[in-house]
N, C-alpha and C. Protein backbone atom coordinates (compact mmCIF):
# COMPACT_ATOMS: atom_id res chain seq x y z
N MET A 1 49.64 10.30 -19.83
CA MET A 1 49.06 11.58 -20.19
C MET A 1 48.37 12.18 -18.97
N THR A 2 48.54 13.45 -18.80
CA THR A 2 47.91 14.19 -17.71
C THR A 2 46.40 14.20 -17.88
N ALA A 3 45.67 14.22 -16.77
CA ALA A 3 44.22 14.43 -16.85
C ALA A 3 43.98 15.72 -17.62
N GLN A 4 42.93 15.74 -18.44
CA GLN A 4 42.69 16.85 -19.34
C GLN A 4 41.58 17.79 -18.86
N ILE A 5 41.74 19.06 -19.18
CA ILE A 5 40.69 20.04 -18.92
C ILE A 5 39.49 19.64 -19.77
N SER A 6 38.33 19.64 -19.17
CA SER A 6 37.13 19.15 -19.87
C SER A 6 36.59 20.18 -20.85
N GLU A 7 35.84 19.69 -21.81
CA GLU A 7 34.98 20.53 -22.61
C GLU A 7 33.84 20.97 -21.69
N ARG A 8 33.00 21.87 -22.15
CA ARG A 8 31.86 22.34 -21.35
C ARG A 8 30.58 22.05 -22.13
N LEU A 9 29.53 21.74 -21.38
CA LEU A 9 28.23 21.47 -22.01
C LEU A 9 27.15 22.19 -21.23
N ILE A 10 26.32 22.92 -21.96
CA ILE A 10 25.12 23.51 -21.36
C ILE A 10 24.02 22.50 -21.59
N PHE A 11 23.56 21.90 -20.49
CA PHE A 11 22.61 20.80 -20.54
C PHE A 11 21.54 21.03 -19.48
N GLU A 12 20.30 21.05 -19.92
CA GLU A 12 19.17 21.29 -19.02
C GLU A 12 19.38 22.55 -18.19
N GLY A 13 19.89 23.60 -18.85
CA GLY A 13 20.04 24.91 -18.22
C GLY A 13 21.26 25.10 -17.34
N GLN A 14 22.12 24.08 -17.22
CA GLN A 14 23.31 24.19 -16.39
C GLN A 14 24.55 23.90 -17.23
N GLN A 15 25.65 24.58 -16.88
CA GLN A 15 26.92 24.28 -17.53
C GLN A 15 27.62 23.20 -16.73
N VAL A 16 27.98 22.10 -17.40
CA VAL A 16 28.60 20.95 -16.75
C VAL A 16 29.87 20.55 -17.50
N ALA A 17 30.70 19.76 -16.83
CA ALA A 17 31.90 19.22 -17.48
C ALA A 17 31.48 18.17 -18.50
N LEU A 18 32.14 18.18 -19.65
CA LEU A 18 31.89 17.21 -20.71
C LEU A 18 33.20 16.47 -20.95
N LEU A 19 33.18 15.17 -20.71
CA LEU A 19 34.38 14.35 -20.85
C LEU A 19 34.36 13.62 -22.19
N SER A 20 34.15 14.38 -23.23
CA SER A 20 34.15 13.92 -24.62
C SER A 20 34.64 15.09 -25.45
N ASN A 21 35.17 14.81 -26.63
CA ASN A 21 35.68 15.85 -27.51
C ASN A 21 34.98 15.76 -28.87
N PRO A 22 33.76 16.29 -28.99
CA PRO A 22 33.01 16.15 -30.24
C PRO A 22 33.69 16.75 -31.46
N LEU A 23 34.54 17.75 -31.27
CA LEU A 23 35.19 18.38 -32.42
C LEU A 23 36.21 17.45 -33.08
N ASN A 24 36.73 16.47 -32.32
CA ASN A 24 37.67 15.51 -32.91
C ASN A 24 37.07 14.81 -34.12
N GLY A 25 35.80 14.44 -34.02
CA GLY A 25 35.14 13.77 -35.14
C GLY A 25 35.11 14.61 -36.40
N TYR A 26 34.94 15.91 -36.23
CA TYR A 26 34.94 16.82 -37.37
C TYR A 26 36.31 16.81 -38.06
N PHE A 27 37.36 16.89 -37.25
CA PHE A 27 38.72 16.87 -37.82
C PHE A 27 39.02 15.53 -38.46
N GLU A 28 38.57 14.43 -37.86
CA GLU A 28 38.81 13.10 -38.43
C GLU A 28 38.12 12.92 -39.78
N LEU A 29 37.02 13.62 -39.98
CA LEU A 29 36.31 13.55 -41.27
C LEU A 29 36.89 14.50 -42.31
N GLY A 30 37.98 15.18 -41.96
CA GLY A 30 38.63 16.07 -42.90
C GLY A 30 38.24 17.52 -42.75
N GLY A 31 37.54 17.87 -41.67
CA GLY A 31 37.16 19.26 -41.43
C GLY A 31 38.37 20.14 -41.18
N ARG A 32 38.20 21.41 -41.40
CA ARG A 32 39.28 22.40 -41.29
C ARG A 32 39.82 22.47 -39.87
N ASP A 33 41.09 22.12 -39.70
CA ASP A 33 41.78 22.25 -38.42
C ASP A 33 42.74 23.43 -38.55
N PRO A 34 42.50 24.52 -37.81
CA PRO A 34 43.32 25.71 -37.97
C PRO A 34 44.69 25.61 -37.31
N GLY A 35 44.96 24.52 -36.60
CA GLY A 35 46.25 24.35 -35.94
C GLY A 35 46.27 24.97 -34.56
N PHE A 36 45.78 24.24 -33.58
CA PHE A 36 45.76 24.72 -32.21
C PHE A 36 47.11 24.50 -31.55
N GLN A 37 47.45 25.37 -30.63
CA GLN A 37 48.71 25.29 -29.89
C GLN A 37 48.42 24.89 -28.45
N SER A 38 49.09 23.89 -27.97
CA SER A 38 48.94 23.49 -26.58
C SER A 38 49.90 24.31 -25.73
N THR A 39 49.40 24.79 -24.60
CA THR A 39 50.24 25.53 -23.66
C THR A 39 50.25 24.86 -22.29
N SER A 40 49.73 23.62 -22.23
CA SER A 40 49.65 22.93 -20.95
C SER A 40 49.54 21.43 -21.18
N THR A 41 50.09 20.65 -20.26
CA THR A 41 49.93 19.20 -20.33
C THR A 41 48.49 18.79 -20.08
N ALA A 42 47.69 19.68 -19.49
CA ALA A 42 46.29 19.38 -19.21
C ALA A 42 45.37 19.80 -20.36
N LEU A 43 45.96 20.27 -21.47
CA LEU A 43 45.15 20.68 -22.61
C LEU A 43 45.91 20.41 -23.91
N TRP A 44 46.21 19.14 -24.13
CA TRP A 44 46.97 18.77 -25.33
C TRP A 44 46.24 19.16 -26.61
N ARG A 45 44.90 19.15 -26.60
CA ARG A 45 44.18 19.47 -27.84
C ARG A 45 44.27 20.96 -28.17
N GLY A 46 44.61 21.81 -27.19
CA GLY A 46 44.85 23.22 -27.45
C GLY A 46 43.62 24.11 -27.44
N TYR A 47 42.46 23.58 -27.15
CA TYR A 47 41.24 24.40 -27.15
C TYR A 47 40.25 23.82 -26.14
N VAL A 48 39.28 24.65 -25.78
CA VAL A 48 38.14 24.19 -24.98
C VAL A 48 36.88 24.64 -25.71
N GLY A 49 36.03 23.68 -26.03
CA GLY A 49 34.76 23.99 -26.67
C GLY A 49 33.65 24.05 -25.64
N THR A 50 32.71 24.94 -25.88
CA THR A 50 31.47 24.98 -25.09
C THR A 50 30.36 24.55 -26.02
N TRP A 51 29.63 23.56 -25.58
CA TRP A 51 28.59 22.92 -26.37
C TRP A 51 27.25 23.14 -25.69
N GLU A 52 26.17 22.99 -26.45
CA GLU A 52 24.84 23.15 -25.88
C GLU A 52 23.90 22.15 -26.54
N ILE A 53 23.07 21.54 -25.70
CA ILE A 53 21.99 20.70 -26.23
C ILE A 53 20.74 21.56 -26.26
N THR A 54 20.21 21.79 -27.46
CA THR A 54 18.99 22.57 -27.64
C THR A 54 18.04 21.75 -28.50
N GLY A 55 16.87 21.43 -27.95
CA GLY A 55 15.91 20.65 -28.71
C GLY A 55 16.48 19.33 -29.20
N ASP A 56 17.24 18.64 -28.36
CA ASP A 56 17.89 17.37 -28.67
C ASP A 56 18.98 17.45 -29.74
N ARG A 57 19.45 18.65 -30.04
CA ARG A 57 20.53 18.83 -31.01
C ARG A 57 21.75 19.41 -30.31
N LEU A 58 22.93 18.96 -30.74
CA LEU A 58 24.19 19.42 -30.17
C LEU A 58 24.76 20.56 -31.02
N TYR A 59 25.07 21.67 -30.35
CA TYR A 59 25.65 22.83 -31.01
C TYR A 59 26.96 23.21 -30.33
N LEU A 60 27.94 23.62 -31.12
CA LEU A 60 29.14 24.27 -30.61
C LEU A 60 28.80 25.74 -30.50
N VAL A 61 28.89 26.31 -29.27
CA VAL A 61 28.47 27.70 -29.06
C VAL A 61 29.63 28.61 -28.67
N ALA A 62 30.79 28.06 -28.36
CA ALA A 62 31.97 28.87 -28.06
C ALA A 62 33.21 27.99 -28.20
N LEU A 63 34.31 28.62 -28.53
CA LEU A 63 35.58 27.91 -28.67
C LEU A 63 36.68 28.87 -28.23
N SER A 64 37.52 28.40 -27.33
CA SER A 64 38.64 29.24 -26.89
C SER A 64 39.92 28.42 -26.95
N GLY A 65 40.98 29.09 -27.18
CA GLY A 65 42.28 28.45 -27.27
C GLY A 65 43.22 29.37 -28.01
N LEU A 66 44.38 28.84 -28.32
CA LEU A 66 45.40 29.61 -29.02
C LEU A 66 45.81 28.84 -30.27
N LEU A 67 45.91 29.56 -31.37
CA LEU A 67 46.35 28.95 -32.62
C LEU A 67 47.87 29.03 -32.71
N LYS A 68 48.47 28.16 -33.49
CA LYS A 68 49.92 28.18 -33.68
C LYS A 68 50.39 29.51 -34.25
N SER A 69 49.51 30.22 -34.94
CA SER A 69 49.84 31.54 -35.49
C SER A 69 49.96 32.60 -34.39
N GLY A 70 49.52 32.26 -33.17
CA GLY A 70 49.53 33.21 -32.07
C GLY A 70 48.20 33.90 -31.86
N GLN A 71 47.25 33.70 -32.77
CA GLN A 71 45.93 34.31 -32.64
C GLN A 71 45.06 33.51 -31.68
N GLU A 72 44.11 34.22 -31.06
CA GLU A 72 43.12 33.55 -30.22
C GLU A 72 42.14 32.80 -31.11
N ALA A 73 41.78 31.59 -30.72
CA ALA A 73 40.83 30.79 -31.48
C ALA A 73 39.40 31.16 -31.10
N ASN A 74 38.49 30.97 -32.04
CA ASN A 74 37.05 31.10 -31.80
C ASN A 74 36.34 30.17 -32.78
N ILE A 75 35.03 30.17 -32.76
CA ILE A 75 34.29 29.25 -33.64
C ILE A 75 34.65 29.49 -35.10
N GLU A 76 34.78 30.74 -35.51
CA GLU A 76 35.10 31.03 -36.91
C GLU A 76 36.48 30.54 -37.34
N SER A 77 37.35 30.26 -36.37
CA SER A 77 38.66 29.69 -36.72
C SER A 77 38.50 28.33 -37.40
N VAL A 78 37.47 27.61 -37.01
CA VAL A 78 37.20 26.28 -37.56
C VAL A 78 36.07 26.33 -38.58
N PHE A 79 35.08 27.19 -38.34
CA PHE A 79 33.89 27.28 -39.19
C PHE A 79 33.72 28.72 -39.69
N PRO A 80 34.49 29.12 -40.70
CA PRO A 80 34.39 30.49 -41.22
C PRO A 80 32.94 30.81 -41.62
N GLY A 81 32.50 32.00 -41.24
CA GLY A 81 31.13 32.41 -41.57
C GLY A 81 30.11 32.01 -40.52
N PHE A 82 30.53 31.30 -39.48
CA PHE A 82 29.62 30.89 -38.42
C PHE A 82 30.19 31.35 -37.07
N PRO A 83 29.99 32.61 -36.71
CA PRO A 83 30.61 33.13 -35.50
C PRO A 83 29.92 32.74 -34.20
N ASP A 84 28.65 32.36 -34.25
CA ASP A 84 27.88 32.20 -33.01
C ASP A 84 27.62 30.77 -32.58
N ARG A 85 27.32 29.90 -33.52
CA ARG A 85 27.00 28.51 -33.18
C ARG A 85 27.03 27.66 -34.44
N VAL A 86 27.32 26.37 -34.24
CA VAL A 86 27.37 25.42 -35.34
C VAL A 86 26.70 24.13 -34.88
N PHE A 87 25.77 23.62 -35.68
CA PHE A 87 25.14 22.34 -35.40
C PHE A 87 26.16 21.24 -35.65
N ALA A 88 26.36 20.35 -34.68
CA ALA A 88 27.38 19.30 -34.75
C ALA A 88 26.86 18.07 -35.50
N HIS A 89 26.47 18.24 -36.74
CA HIS A 89 25.90 17.17 -37.55
C HIS A 89 26.88 16.03 -37.80
N TRP A 90 28.18 16.28 -37.65
CA TRP A 90 29.21 15.27 -37.89
C TRP A 90 29.35 14.29 -36.73
N PHE A 91 28.80 14.65 -35.54
CA PHE A 91 29.08 13.86 -34.35
C PHE A 91 28.06 12.74 -34.13
N SER A 92 28.57 11.52 -34.11
CA SER A 92 27.79 10.35 -33.69
C SER A 92 28.65 9.64 -32.64
N GLY A 93 28.07 9.39 -31.50
CA GLY A 93 28.81 8.77 -30.41
C GLY A 93 28.18 9.09 -29.08
N THR A 94 28.96 8.97 -28.02
CA THR A 94 28.46 9.16 -26.66
C THR A 94 29.14 10.35 -26.01
N LEU A 95 28.34 11.20 -25.39
CA LEU A 95 28.84 12.30 -24.58
C LEU A 95 28.75 11.87 -23.12
N ARG A 96 29.82 12.11 -22.36
CA ARG A 96 29.88 11.71 -20.95
C ARG A 96 29.96 12.93 -20.05
N MET A 97 29.03 13.03 -19.10
CA MET A 97 29.02 14.10 -18.11
C MET A 97 29.13 13.46 -16.73
N PRO A 98 30.24 13.71 -16.01
CA PRO A 98 30.38 13.14 -14.67
C PRO A 98 29.51 13.90 -13.67
N GLN A 99 29.01 13.19 -12.68
CA GLN A 99 28.22 13.81 -11.61
C GLN A 99 28.63 13.23 -10.27
N GLY A 100 28.50 14.06 -9.24
CA GLY A 100 28.77 13.59 -7.89
C GLY A 100 30.24 13.68 -7.53
N LYS A 101 30.60 12.95 -6.50
CA LYS A 101 31.97 12.97 -5.98
C LYS A 101 32.86 12.03 -6.78
N ARG A 102 34.16 12.33 -6.73
CA ARG A 102 35.12 11.51 -7.45
C ARG A 102 35.38 10.22 -6.68
N LEU A 103 35.31 9.09 -7.38
CA LEU A 103 35.61 7.78 -6.79
C LEU A 103 37.09 7.47 -6.87
N ALA A 104 37.70 7.76 -8.01
CA ALA A 104 39.12 7.45 -8.21
C ALA A 104 39.70 8.45 -9.21
N TYR A 105 40.88 8.96 -8.88
CA TYR A 105 41.56 9.89 -9.78
C TYR A 105 42.53 9.11 -10.66
N GLU A 106 42.47 9.37 -11.95
CA GLU A 106 43.41 8.80 -12.91
C GLU A 106 44.13 9.97 -13.57
N HIS A 107 45.44 9.95 -13.55
CA HIS A 107 46.23 11.03 -14.12
C HIS A 107 46.44 10.76 -15.62
N ARG A 108 45.31 10.64 -16.33
CA ARG A 108 45.36 10.39 -17.77
C ARG A 108 44.02 10.75 -18.39
N GLY A 109 44.04 11.53 -19.43
CA GLY A 109 42.84 11.86 -20.19
C GLY A 109 41.65 12.18 -19.33
N TYR A 110 40.55 11.49 -19.59
CA TYR A 110 39.32 11.63 -18.80
C TYR A 110 39.09 10.34 -18.00
N GLY A 111 40.15 9.75 -17.47
CA GLY A 111 40.08 8.44 -16.84
C GLY A 111 39.51 8.38 -15.44
N SER A 112 39.39 9.51 -14.76
CA SER A 112 38.86 9.49 -13.39
C SER A 112 37.41 9.01 -13.39
N SER A 113 36.99 8.42 -12.28
CA SER A 113 35.61 7.94 -12.18
C SER A 113 34.86 8.71 -11.10
N TYR A 114 33.56 8.82 -11.29
CA TYR A 114 32.68 9.61 -10.44
C TYR A 114 31.48 8.77 -10.04
N GLU A 115 30.73 9.26 -9.06
CA GLU A 115 29.59 8.48 -8.57
C GLU A 115 28.59 8.15 -9.67
N ARG A 116 28.39 9.10 -10.59
CA ARG A 116 27.45 8.87 -11.70
C ARG A 116 28.02 9.47 -12.98
N ASP A 117 27.61 8.91 -14.07
CA ASP A 117 27.86 9.48 -15.40
C ASP A 117 26.53 9.59 -16.12
N VAL A 118 26.25 10.76 -16.66
CA VAL A 118 25.12 10.91 -17.57
C VAL A 118 25.70 10.70 -18.96
N LEU A 119 25.12 9.77 -19.68
CA LEU A 119 25.60 9.41 -21.02
C LEU A 119 24.52 9.74 -22.05
N LEU A 120 24.88 10.58 -23.00
CA LEU A 120 23.97 10.91 -24.09
C LEU A 120 24.49 10.26 -25.35
N THR A 121 23.66 9.50 -26.02
CA THR A 121 24.02 8.89 -27.29
C THR A 121 23.46 9.77 -28.41
N LEU A 122 24.32 10.14 -29.34
CA LEU A 122 23.92 10.99 -30.45
C LEU A 122 24.18 10.31 -31.77
N GLN A 123 23.31 10.60 -32.74
CA GLN A 123 23.52 10.19 -34.12
C GLN A 123 23.40 11.43 -34.97
N TYR A 124 24.47 11.75 -35.69
CA TYR A 124 24.52 12.92 -36.56
C TYR A 124 24.08 14.19 -35.82
N GLY A 125 24.55 14.33 -34.57
CA GLY A 125 24.29 15.53 -33.79
C GLY A 125 22.97 15.58 -33.05
N VAL A 126 22.18 14.52 -33.13
CA VAL A 126 20.86 14.48 -32.49
C VAL A 126 20.87 13.45 -31.37
N VAL A 127 20.40 13.84 -30.18
CA VAL A 127 20.33 12.93 -29.04
C VAL A 127 19.26 11.88 -29.31
N VAL A 128 19.66 10.60 -29.23
CA VAL A 128 18.72 9.50 -29.47
C VAL A 128 18.51 8.67 -28.20
N ALA A 129 19.36 8.83 -27.19
CA ALA A 129 19.20 8.08 -25.95
C ALA A 129 19.94 8.81 -24.82
N GLN A 130 19.42 8.62 -23.61
CA GLN A 130 20.06 9.16 -22.41
C GLN A 130 20.04 8.09 -21.33
N GLU A 131 21.16 7.96 -20.63
CA GLU A 131 21.29 6.95 -19.59
C GLU A 131 22.09 7.54 -18.43
N VAL A 132 21.74 7.14 -17.21
CA VAL A 132 22.54 7.50 -16.05
C VAL A 132 23.19 6.22 -15.55
N ARG A 133 24.51 6.22 -15.51
CA ARG A 133 25.27 5.06 -15.02
C ARG A 133 25.73 5.37 -13.60
N HIS A 134 25.37 4.48 -12.66
CA HIS A 134 25.77 4.62 -11.26
C HIS A 134 27.04 3.80 -11.05
N ASN A 135 28.09 4.47 -10.57
CA ASN A 135 29.40 3.85 -10.47
C ASN A 135 29.83 3.52 -9.04
N GLY A 136 29.05 3.91 -8.05
CA GLY A 136 29.41 3.63 -6.67
C GLY A 136 29.24 4.85 -5.79
N GLN A 137 29.52 4.66 -4.51
CA GLN A 137 29.38 5.71 -3.51
C GLN A 137 30.77 6.14 -3.04
N ALA A 138 31.05 7.42 -3.11
CA ALA A 138 32.34 7.95 -2.67
C ALA A 138 32.31 8.24 -1.18
N PRO A 139 33.47 8.25 -0.54
CA PRO A 139 33.53 8.66 0.86
C PRO A 139 33.08 10.11 1.01
N ASP A 140 32.62 10.47 2.21
CA ASP A 140 32.13 11.83 2.45
C ASP A 140 33.16 12.90 2.16
N ASP A 141 34.44 12.61 2.35
CA ASP A 141 35.48 13.62 2.16
C ASP A 141 36.03 13.67 0.73
N ALA A 142 35.44 12.91 -0.18
CA ALA A 142 35.90 12.91 -1.58
C ALA A 142 35.53 14.24 -2.24
N PRO A 143 36.38 14.71 -3.18
CA PRO A 143 36.07 15.97 -3.87
C PRO A 143 34.84 15.83 -4.76
N GLU A 144 34.08 16.91 -4.85
CA GLU A 144 32.86 16.97 -5.66
C GLU A 144 33.20 17.49 -7.04
N GLY A 145 32.68 16.87 -8.08
CA GLY A 145 32.80 17.38 -9.43
C GLY A 145 34.12 17.10 -10.10
N TYR A 146 34.17 17.40 -11.38
CA TYR A 146 35.34 17.12 -12.20
C TYR A 146 36.46 18.11 -11.91
N SER A 147 37.67 17.59 -11.80
CA SER A 147 38.85 18.45 -11.64
C SER A 147 40.07 17.67 -12.10
N ILE A 148 41.14 18.42 -12.37
CA ILE A 148 42.41 17.78 -12.71
C ILE A 148 43.33 17.92 -11.52
N GLY A 149 44.27 17.00 -11.35
CA GLY A 149 45.13 16.99 -10.18
C GLY A 149 46.38 17.82 -10.31
N ALA A 150 46.93 17.93 -11.51
CA ALA A 150 48.17 18.67 -11.72
C ALA A 150 48.37 18.91 -13.20
N MET A 151 49.15 19.93 -13.52
CA MET A 151 49.49 20.19 -14.92
C MET A 151 50.74 21.03 -14.97
N THR A 152 51.39 20.98 -16.10
CA THR A 152 52.54 21.82 -16.38
C THR A 152 52.15 22.76 -17.51
N SER A 153 52.42 24.03 -17.35
CA SER A 153 52.12 25.03 -18.39
C SER A 153 53.42 25.61 -18.90
N TRP A 154 53.40 26.08 -20.14
CA TRP A 154 54.55 26.73 -20.73
C TRP A 154 54.06 27.92 -21.53
N PRO A 155 54.93 28.88 -21.80
CA PRO A 155 54.50 30.08 -22.54
C PRO A 155 54.09 29.73 -23.96
N ALA A 156 53.14 30.51 -24.47
CA ALA A 156 52.71 30.34 -25.85
C ALA A 156 53.84 30.74 -26.79
N ARG A 157 53.90 30.06 -27.92
CA ARG A 157 54.90 30.39 -28.94
C ARG A 157 54.16 30.82 -30.19
N ASN A 158 54.67 31.76 -30.90
CA ASN A 158 54.02 32.18 -32.14
C ASN A 158 54.91 32.00 -33.35
N ASP A 159 55.82 31.05 -33.26
CA ASP A 159 56.73 30.79 -34.39
C ASP A 159 56.27 29.59 -35.23
N GLY A 160 55.03 29.13 -34.96
CA GLY A 160 54.49 28.02 -35.74
C GLY A 160 54.82 26.66 -35.17
N SER A 161 55.64 26.59 -34.11
CA SER A 161 55.95 25.29 -33.53
C SER A 161 54.99 24.99 -32.40
N ASN A 162 54.84 23.74 -32.08
CA ASN A 162 53.95 23.31 -31.00
C ASN A 162 54.80 22.61 -29.97
N THR A 163 54.87 23.17 -28.79
CA THR A 163 55.71 22.60 -27.72
C THR A 163 55.17 21.28 -27.23
C-alpha cells in the first residue's frame, strides 16, 4: 500500500500531520458512511479529516473528499445536522503526530518513522495521556516533516463505482 495522505490535527494552536484515522472507529461502530470515492493510491479512504483538540476533547472540524455520488464531502455528509464540528465521543485509542526529520520512509500506510512522535491517548474522545516518543536522530540532510513519496491519481467517477 502506498504511503497515505495524513489527517490534520489542530493541536496547541498549530496544524500538524495526524497519522491516525479517528473516523474509522465511527464507521466500525455502525456510523453512517456516505460512501467515499478514492481518486489516488495515497488516499484509499477517500477523505481527509481536520481534527482539533479543544479543552482535552477531540472534535472533527472539517472533512473534504469526494463521494461516490460525485458530490463533495463535508462534515454533514457523515453527521447530518452538524455542519461545523462534531465531538469524537466514539474514539478511544492513540493519536500519532510525527515531529522532526524522517528517519526511514516506508511506502505503506503511515509506516514511515520520524525523530519523535507525540502520542495522545484518548478515551471516548477525551485526552487522558500524552507522551513524546524519541525514535532517533536523522541525518542533517533528511527531509523535515511528514510527506508521501509517490502516488498514482485517477479521474473521479460519478457512476457509483470506486476505482
